[in-house]
Amino acid sequence: MISEGTAFTFSVIFGIITILLVRSRDVRAWEAVCVGLFGLYLGQTPVVFTVHGLVTWLISGFAHH
């Protein structure tokens, strides 16, 4: 289960990214994924647990290179 603190942290990060993207008026595919992730973390839908596992796996993969 995702903790409230983790969900809040991800929501803030993806929210900042979303604000920067909207200001730039240029949204690419990976940027659209960031906007979607922001919505998932903010909404706390049941799908968030699967997405959180994927994001955690990707981040841990980059951290252990």
C-alpha atoms as a PDB file:
ATOM      1  CA  MET A   1       0.000   0.000   0.000  1.00  0.00           C
ATOM      2  CA  ILE A   2       1.224   3.476  -0.835  1.00  0.00           C
ATOM      3  CA  SER A   3       1.662   5.798   2.111  1.00  0.00           C
ATOM      4  CA  GLU A   4       0.024   9.193   2.244  1.00  0.00           C
ATOM      5  CA  GLY A   5       3.412  10.913   2.401  1.00  0.00           C
ATOM      6  CA  THR A   6       4.668   9.120  -0.703  1.00  0.00           C
ATOM      7  CA  ALA A   7       1.490   9.919  -2.638  1.00  0.00           C
ATOM      8  CA  PHE A   8       1.752  13.569  -1.596  1.00  0.00           C
ATOM      9  CA  THR A   9       5.407  13.734  -2.658  1.00  0.00           C
ATOM     10  CA  PHE A  10       4.684  12.237  -6.076  1.00  0.00           C
ATOM     11  CA  SER A  11       1.645  14.523  -6.491  1.00  0.00           C
ATOM     12  CA  VAL A  12       3.765  17.597  -5.796  1.00  0.00           C
ATOM     13  CA  ILE A  13       6.559  16.490  -8.153  1.00  0.00           C
ATOM     14  CA  PHE A  14       4.204  15.617 -11.009  1.00  0.00           C
ATOM     15  CA  GLY A  15       2.194  18.787 -10.318  1.00  0.00           C
ATOM     16  CA  ILE A  16       5.271  20.967 -10.715  1.00  0.00           C
ATOM     17  CA  ILE A  17       6.189  19.143 -13.924  1.00  0.00           C
ATOM     18  CA  THR A  18       2.637  19.653 -15.217  1.00  0.00           C
ATOM     19  CA  ILE A  19       2.710  23.384 -14.457  1.00  0.00           C
ATOM     20  CA  LEU A  20       6.035  23.751 -16.260  1.00  0.00           C
ATOM     21  CA  LEU A  21       4.721  21.823 -19.274  1.00  0.00           C
ATOM     22  CA  VAL A  22       1.589  23.916 -19.523  1.00  0.00           C
ATOM     23  CA  ARG A  23       3.650  27.089 -19.411  1.00  0.00           C
ATOM     24  CA  SER A  24       5.940  25.846 -22.200  1.00  0.00           C
ATOM     25  CA  ARG A  25       2.955  24.910 -24.431  1.00  0.00           C
ATOM     26  CA  ASP A  26       4.892  21.998 -25.865  1.00  0.00           C
ATOM     27  CA  VAL A  27       3.860  18.549 -24.657  1.00  0.00           C
ATOM     28  CA  ARG A  28       5.652  15.431 -25.931  1.00  0.00           C
ATOM     29  CA  ALA A  29       4.748  11.772 -25.261  1.00  0.00           C
ATOM     30  CA  TRP A  30       6.858  11.404 -22.100  1.00  0.00           C
ATOM     31  CA  GLU A  31       5.481  14.681 -20.827  1.00  0.00           C
ATOM     32  CA  ALA A  32       1.938  13.452 -21.345  1.00  0.00           C
ATOM     33  CA  VAL A  33       2.864  10.397 -19.239  1.00  0.00           C
ATOM     34  CA  CYS A  34       3.991  12.735 -16.444  1.00  0.00           C
ATOM     35  CA  VAL A  35       0.682  14.574 -16.617  1.00  0.00           C
ATOM     36  CA  GLY A  36      -1.172  11.247 -16.482  1.00  0.00           C
ATOM     37  CA  LEU A  37       0.872  10.090 -13.502  1.00  0.00           C
ATOM     38  CA  PHE A  38       0.077  13.343 -11.736  1.00  0.00           C
ATOM     39  CA  GLY A  39      -3.613  12.658 -12.223  1.00  0.00           C
ATOM     40  CA  LEU A  40      -3.303   9.095 -10.961  1.00  0.00           C
ATOM     41  CA  TYR A  41      -1.431  10.043  -7.821  1.00  0.00           C
ATOM     42  CA  LEU A  42      -3.723  12.970  -7.167  1.00  0.00           C
ATOM     43  CA  GLY A  43      -6.856  10.929  -7.665  1.00  0.00           C
ATOM     44  CA  GLN A  44      -5.637   7.892  -5.703  1.00  0.00           C
ATOM     45  CA  THR A  45      -7.494   5.499  -8.012  1.00  0.00           C
ATOM     46  CA  PRO A  46      -7.027   1.731  -7.515  1.00  0.00           C
ATOM     47  CA  VAL A  47      -4.729   1.683 -10.550  1.00  0.00           C
ATOM     48  CA  VAL A  48      -2.264   3.841  -8.582  1.00  0.00           C
ATOM     49  CA  PHE A  49      -0.875   0.766  -6.801  1.00  0.00           C
ATOM     50  CA  THR A  50       0.202  -0.834 -10.087  1.00  0.00           C
ATOM     51  CA  VAL A  51       1.567   2.438 -11.455  1.00  0.00           C
ATOM     52  CA  HIS A  52       3.376   3.145  -8.177  1.00  0.00           C
ATOM     53  CA  GLY A  53       5.045  -0.278  -8.392  1.00  0.00           C
ATOM     54  CA  LEU A  54       6.185   0.483 -11.937  1.00  0.00           C
ATOM     55  CA  VAL A  55       7.475   3.955 -11.041  1.00  0.00           C
ATOM     56  CA  THR A  56       9.303   2.576  -7.984  1.00  0.00           C
ATOM     57  CA  TRP A  57      10.840  -0.187 -10.115  1.00  0.00           C
ATOM     58  CA  LEU A  58      11.993   2.334 -12.747  1.00  0.00           C
ATOM     59  CA  ILE A  59      13.431   4.728 -10.170  1.00  0.00           C
ATOM     60  CA  SER A  60      15.256   1.926  -8.340  1.00  0.00           C
ATOM     61  CA  GLY A  61      16.640   0.712 -11.668  1.00  0.00           C
ATOM     62  CA  PHE A  62      18.084   4.123 -12.474  1.00  0.00           C
ATOM     63  CA  ALA A  63      19.417   4.545  -8.939  1.00  0.00           C
ATOM     64  CA  HIS A  64      21.342   1.254  -9.040  1.00  0.00           C
ATOM     65  CA  HIS A  65      22.942   1.609 -12.462  1.00  0.00           C
END
